[in-house]
Amino acid sequence: MDNDLIEEKPCPICDRPLTDKSASEHHLIPKTFKGKETVTLHNICHRKLHTVFTEREMLNYYHTIDRLLENEDVRKFVKWVAKKDPDYYDSSKDTKQRKSKRRK
């Protein structure tokens, strides 16, 4: 792997090592709601969370790593992505449930 590890800790979602290329900051409480605390995740893990949950859901319930990992869609994703290279990225599509919650 030619990217440097950026932290000793792995991604709290998928438990793979984080690198310069693969990392981004996730606000546990969305910035929209004045959230300040962040955690470093893989880009693909971060994107997946935002395709599964609305910001309001993140504010009201899914504002900890443990709660995020309770969700079945997230658990399925973790099982799949755990086998990928730490720099792997693929865009995520919104789930049907998430799409139905969008404002029209």
N, C-alpha and C. Protein backbone atom coordinates (compact mmCIF):
# COMPACT_ATOMS: atom_id res chain seq x y z
N MET A 1 0.86 -1.16 0.00
CA MET A 1 0.00 0.00 0.00
C MET A 1 0.91 1.23 0.00
N ASP A 2 0.69 2.15 -0.92
CA ASP A 2 1.57 3.29 -1.05
C ASP A 2 1.07 4.54 -0.34
N ASN A 3 -0.05 4.48 0.33
CA ASN A 3 -0.55 5.62 1.10
C ASN A 3 -0.19 5.43 2.56
N ASP A 4 0.17 6.52 3.21
CA ASP A 4 0.54 6.45 4.61
C ASP A 4 -0.69 6.32 5.49
N LEU A 5 -0.54 5.51 6.53
CA LEU A 5 -1.61 5.41 7.52
C LEU A 5 -1.70 6.75 8.23
N ILE A 6 -2.92 7.23 8.45
CA ILE A 6 -3.06 8.55 9.08
C ILE A 6 -3.33 8.46 10.57
N GLU A 7 -3.78 7.32 11.02
CA GLU A 7 -4.06 7.15 12.44
C GLU A 7 -3.72 5.73 12.84
N GLU A 8 -3.43 5.58 14.10
CA GLU A 8 -3.20 4.24 14.63
C GLU A 8 -4.52 3.46 14.71
N LYS A 9 -5.59 4.20 14.98
CA LYS A 9 -6.90 3.56 15.11
C LYS A 9 -7.47 3.25 13.72
N PRO A 10 -8.14 2.12 13.58
CA PRO A 10 -8.81 1.82 12.31
C PRO A 10 -10.13 2.59 12.21
N CYS A 11 -10.75 2.51 11.05
CA CYS A 11 -12.07 3.11 10.85
C CYS A 11 -13.04 2.48 11.86
N PRO A 12 -13.79 3.29 12.61
CA PRO A 12 -14.70 2.73 13.61
C PRO A 12 -15.92 2.02 13.00
N ILE A 13 -16.17 2.20 11.72
CA ILE A 13 -17.29 1.52 11.08
C ILE A 13 -16.87 0.14 10.57
N CYS A 14 -15.80 0.08 9.75
CA CYS A 14 -15.42 -1.19 9.12
C CYS A 14 -14.18 -1.84 9.72
N ASP A 15 -13.48 -1.14 10.58
CA ASP A 15 -12.30 -1.66 11.27
C ASP A 15 -11.08 -1.89 10.35
N ARG A 16 -11.08 -1.27 9.16
CA ARG A 16 -9.92 -1.34 8.28
C ARG A 16 -9.00 -0.15 8.55
N PRO A 17 -7.71 -0.26 8.22
CA PRO A 17 -6.79 0.87 8.45
C PRO A 17 -7.20 2.09 7.61
N LEU A 18 -6.98 3.27 8.17
CA LEU A 18 -7.27 4.53 7.47
C LEU A 18 -5.99 5.05 6.82
N THR A 19 -6.12 5.58 5.60
CA THR A 19 -4.99 6.18 4.91
C THR A 19 -5.34 7.61 4.49
N ASP A 20 -4.32 8.36 4.08
CA ASP A 20 -4.54 9.73 3.61
C ASP A 20 -5.60 9.79 2.52
N LYS A 21 -5.51 8.86 1.60
CA LYS A 21 -6.40 8.85 0.44
C LYS A 21 -7.84 8.48 0.79
N SER A 22 -8.01 7.65 1.80
CA SER A 22 -9.32 7.04 2.04
C SER A 22 -10.14 7.66 3.16
N ALA A 23 -9.66 8.70 3.82
CA ALA A 23 -10.31 9.17 5.04
C ALA A 23 -11.08 10.47 4.88
N SER A 24 -12.13 10.60 5.68
CA SER A 24 -12.87 11.86 5.77
C SER A 24 -13.46 11.96 7.18
N GLU A 25 -13.86 13.17 7.53
CA GLU A 25 -14.42 13.42 8.86
C GLU A 25 -15.95 13.37 8.80
N HIS A 26 -16.54 12.65 9.75
CA HIS A 26 -18.00 12.55 9.85
C HIS A 26 -18.45 13.23 11.14
N HIS A 27 -19.39 14.13 11.04
CA HIS A 27 -19.98 14.78 12.22
C HIS A 27 -21.02 13.83 12.81
N LEU A 28 -20.81 13.41 14.04
CA LEU A 28 -21.77 12.49 14.67
C LEU A 28 -23.14 13.14 14.78
N ILE A 29 -23.19 14.41 15.13
CA ILE A 29 -24.41 15.20 15.02
C ILE A 29 -24.17 16.12 13.82
N PRO A 30 -25.03 16.08 12.82
CA PRO A 30 -24.79 16.84 11.58
C PRO A 30 -24.51 18.32 11.83
N LYS A 31 -23.65 18.88 10.98
CA LYS A 31 -23.33 20.31 11.07
C LYS A 31 -24.59 21.16 10.95
N THR A 32 -25.56 20.69 10.20
CA THR A 32 -26.84 21.39 10.05
C THR A 32 -27.46 21.70 11.41
N PHE A 33 -27.21 20.79 12.37
CA PHE A 33 -27.77 20.93 13.71
C PHE A 33 -26.69 21.35 14.72
N LYS A 34 -25.67 22.04 14.23
CA LYS A 34 -24.60 22.60 15.06
C LYS A 34 -23.69 21.55 15.68
N GLY A 35 -23.62 20.37 15.07
CA GLY A 35 -22.73 19.32 15.58
C GLY A 35 -21.27 19.71 15.40
N LYS A 36 -20.46 19.42 16.38
CA LYS A 36 -19.04 19.76 16.35
C LYS A 36 -18.14 18.52 16.36
N GLU A 37 -18.54 17.49 17.12
CA GLU A 37 -17.70 16.30 17.28
C GLU A 37 -17.62 15.50 15.98
N THR A 38 -16.41 15.15 15.59
CA THR A 38 -16.21 14.36 14.38
C THR A 38 -15.44 13.08 14.68
N VAL A 39 -15.60 12.11 13.80
CA VAL A 39 -14.81 10.88 13.80
C VAL A 39 -14.26 10.70 12.40
N THR A 40 -13.08 10.10 12.30
CA THR A 40 -12.47 9.85 11.01
C THR A 40 -12.93 8.48 10.51
N LEU A 41 -13.49 8.48 9.29
CA LEU A 41 -13.99 7.26 8.66
C LEU A 41 -13.40 7.14 7.26
N HIS A 42 -13.53 5.96 6.67
CA HIS A 42 -13.23 5.83 5.24
C HIS A 42 -14.27 6.62 4.46
N ASN A 43 -13.87 7.16 3.32
CA ASN A 43 -14.82 7.88 2.47
C ASN A 43 -16.03 7.01 2.13
N ILE A 44 -15.78 5.76 1.81
CA ILE A 44 -16.89 4.87 1.41
C ILE A 44 -17.83 4.60 2.59
N CYS A 45 -17.29 4.48 3.78
CA CYS A 45 -18.13 4.27 4.97
C CYS A 45 -18.94 5.52 5.27
N HIS A 46 -18.29 6.67 5.14
CA HIS A 46 -18.96 7.95 5.38
C HIS A 46 -20.13 8.12 4.39
N ARG A 47 -19.86 7.87 3.13
CA ARG A 47 -20.89 8.01 2.09
C ARG A 47 -22.05 7.06 2.36
N LYS A 48 -21.74 5.84 2.78
CA LYS A 48 -22.80 4.86 3.05
C LYS A 48 -23.73 5.35 4.15
N LEU A 49 -23.17 5.91 5.20
CA LEU A 49 -24.02 6.41 6.30
C LEU A 49 -25.00 7.46 5.80
N HIS A 50 -24.53 8.33 4.90
CA HIS A 50 -25.40 9.40 4.40
C HIS A 50 -26.39 8.91 3.34
N THR A 51 -26.20 7.70 2.84
CA THR A 51 -27.21 7.14 1.93
C THR A 51 -28.28 6.36 2.71
N VAL A 52 -27.95 5.95 3.92
CA VAL A 52 -28.90 5.18 4.72
C VAL A 52 -29.74 6.08 5.63
N PHE A 53 -29.13 7.09 6.21
CA PHE A 53 -29.81 7.91 7.21
C PHE A 53 -29.99 9.34 6.76
N THR A 54 -31.10 9.94 7.16
CA THR A 54 -31.28 11.37 6.96
C THR A 54 -30.51 12.09 8.07
N GLU A 55 -30.28 13.37 7.90
CA GLU A 55 -29.61 14.13 8.95
C GLU A 55 -30.46 14.17 10.22
N ARG A 56 -31.75 14.23 10.06
CA ARG A 56 -32.64 14.24 11.23
C ARG A 56 -32.52 12.91 11.99
N GLU A 57 -32.43 11.79 11.29
CA GLU A 57 -32.26 10.50 11.96
C GLU A 57 -30.93 10.46 12.71
N MET A 58 -29.89 11.04 12.08
CA MET A 58 -28.59 11.08 12.76
C MET A 58 -28.65 11.93 14.01
N LEU A 59 -29.37 13.03 13.95
CA LEU A 59 -29.52 13.90 15.11
C LEU A 59 -30.29 13.18 16.22
N ASN A 60 -31.41 12.56 15.87
CA ASN A 60 -32.32 12.00 16.87
C ASN A 60 -31.89 10.66 17.44
N TYR A 61 -31.18 9.83 16.66
CA TYR A 61 -30.85 8.50 17.17
C TYR A 61 -29.46 8.02 16.77
N TYR A 62 -29.10 8.14 15.53
CA TYR A 62 -27.85 7.54 15.03
C TYR A 62 -26.66 8.49 15.18
N HIS A 63 -26.40 8.93 16.42
CA HIS A 63 -25.32 9.90 16.67
C HIS A 63 -24.15 9.29 17.43
N THR A 64 -24.09 7.96 17.48
CA THR A 64 -22.92 7.27 18.04
C THR A 64 -22.54 6.14 17.08
N ILE A 65 -21.30 5.70 17.17
CA ILE A 65 -20.85 4.59 16.32
C ILE A 65 -21.66 3.34 16.63
N ASP A 66 -21.89 3.05 17.90
CA ASP A 66 -22.66 1.85 18.27
C ASP A 66 -24.06 1.87 17.66
N ARG A 67 -24.70 3.01 17.69
CA ARG A 67 -26.05 3.10 17.12
C ARG A 67 -26.02 2.98 15.60
N LEU A 68 -25.03 3.56 14.97
CA LEU A 68 -24.90 3.41 13.51
C LEU A 68 -24.76 1.94 13.13
N LEU A 69 -23.98 1.21 13.93
CA LEU A 69 -23.73 -0.21 13.64
C LEU A 69 -24.91 -1.12 13.99
N GLU A 70 -25.93 -0.59 14.65
CA GLU A 70 -27.15 -1.37 14.93
C GLU A 70 -27.96 -1.62 13.66
N ASN A 71 -27.84 -0.73 12.70
CA ASN A 71 -28.67 -0.78 11.50
C ASN A 71 -28.28 -1.94 10.59
N GLU A 72 -29.27 -2.67 10.11
CA GLU A 72 -29.03 -3.85 9.28
C GLU A 72 -28.32 -3.51 7.98
N ASP A 73 -28.70 -2.41 7.31
CA ASP A 73 -28.04 -2.01 6.07
C ASP A 73 -26.56 -1.70 6.31
N VAL A 74 -26.26 -1.05 7.41
CA VAL A 74 -24.87 -0.73 7.73
C VAL A 74 -24.10 -2.01 8.04
N ARG A 75 -24.69 -2.92 8.78
CA ARG A 75 -24.01 -4.19 9.09
C ARG A 75 -23.71 -4.99 7.83
N LYS A 76 -24.66 -5.04 6.90
CA LYS A 76 -24.43 -5.74 5.63
C LYS A 76 -23.29 -5.09 4.86
N PHE A 77 -23.29 -3.76 4.84
CA PHE A 77 -22.23 -3.02 4.16
C PHE A 77 -20.87 -3.33 4.79
N VAL A 78 -20.80 -3.32 6.11
CA VAL A 78 -19.53 -3.59 6.82
C VAL A 78 -19.01 -4.98 6.47
N LYS A 79 -19.89 -5.94 6.44
CA LYS A 79 -19.48 -7.31 6.09
C LYS A 79 -18.89 -7.35 4.68
N TRP A 80 -19.49 -6.61 3.75
CA TRP A 80 -19.02 -6.57 2.37
C TRP A 80 -17.71 -5.79 2.25
N VAL A 81 -17.63 -4.61 2.84
CA VAL A 81 -16.47 -3.74 2.64
C VAL A 81 -15.24 -4.22 3.42
N ALA A 82 -15.43 -5.00 4.45
CA ALA A 82 -14.31 -5.48 5.27
C ALA A 82 -13.29 -6.27 4.44
N LYS A 83 -13.73 -6.82 3.32
CA LYS A 83 -12.85 -7.62 2.46
C LYS A 83 -12.10 -6.77 1.43
N LYS A 84 -12.43 -5.49 1.37
CA LYS A 84 -11.84 -4.60 0.36
C LYS A 84 -10.55 -3.96 0.87
N ASP A 85 -9.72 -3.52 -0.08
CA ASP A 85 -8.52 -2.76 0.23
C ASP A 85 -8.91 -1.47 0.97
N PRO A 86 -8.10 -0.99 1.92
CA PRO A 86 -8.46 0.23 2.65
C PRO A 86 -8.67 1.46 1.77
N ASP A 87 -8.08 1.50 0.58
CA ASP A 87 -8.26 2.64 -0.32
C ASP A 87 -9.41 2.46 -1.30
N TYR A 88 -10.12 1.34 -1.22
CA TYR A 88 -11.22 1.07 -2.14
C TYR A 88 -12.33 2.10 -1.96
N TYR A 89 -12.87 2.58 -3.09
CA TYR A 89 -14.01 3.50 -3.03
C TYR A 89 -14.94 3.22 -4.20
N ASP A 90 -16.22 3.23 -3.91
CA ASP A 90 -17.26 3.09 -4.91
C ASP A 90 -18.43 3.93 -4.41
N SER A 91 -19.03 4.70 -5.29
CA SER A 91 -20.13 5.54 -4.82
C SER A 91 -21.32 4.68 -4.40
N SER A 92 -22.06 5.18 -3.45
CA SER A 92 -23.22 4.47 -2.92
C SER A 92 -24.49 5.13 -3.42
N LYS A 93 -25.48 4.33 -3.65
CA LYS A 93 -26.80 4.84 -4.03
C LYS A 93 -27.67 4.90 -2.78
N ASP A 94 -28.57 5.86 -2.74
CA ASP A 94 -29.50 5.94 -1.62
C ASP A 94 -30.36 4.68 -1.58
N THR A 95 -30.64 4.20 -0.37
CA THR A 95 -31.54 3.07 -0.23
C THR A 95 -32.95 3.51 -0.56
N LYS A 96 -33.82 2.57 -0.88
CA LYS A 96 -35.23 2.90 -1.18
C LYS A 96 -35.87 3.62 0.01
N GLN A 97 -35.55 3.13 1.20
CA GLN A 97 -36.13 3.73 2.41
C GLN A 97 -35.64 5.17 2.54
N ARG A 98 -34.37 5.41 2.30
CA ARG A 98 -33.81 6.77 2.41
C ARG A 98 -34.40 7.68 1.34
N LYS A 99 -34.55 7.17 0.11
CA LYS A 99 -35.13 7.97 -0.97
C LYS A 99 -36.54 8.42 -0.62
N SER A 100 -37.31 7.54 0.01
CA SER A 100 -38.70 7.87 0.33
C SER A 100 -38.79 8.96 1.39
N LYS A 101 -37.71 9.23 2.11
CA LYS A 101 -37.72 10.24 3.17
C LYS A 101 -37.31 11.62 2.65
N ARG A 102 -36.81 11.69 1.43
CA ARG A 102 -36.38 12.97 0.88
C ARG A 102 -37.56 13.90 0.69
N ARG A 103 -37.30 15.16 0.88
CA ARG A 103 -38.34 16.15 0.62
C ARG A 103 -38.57 16.27 -0.88
N LYS A 104 -39.80 16.44 -1.24
CA LYS A 104 -40.13 16.54 -2.66
C LYS A 104 -40.62 17.91 -2.98
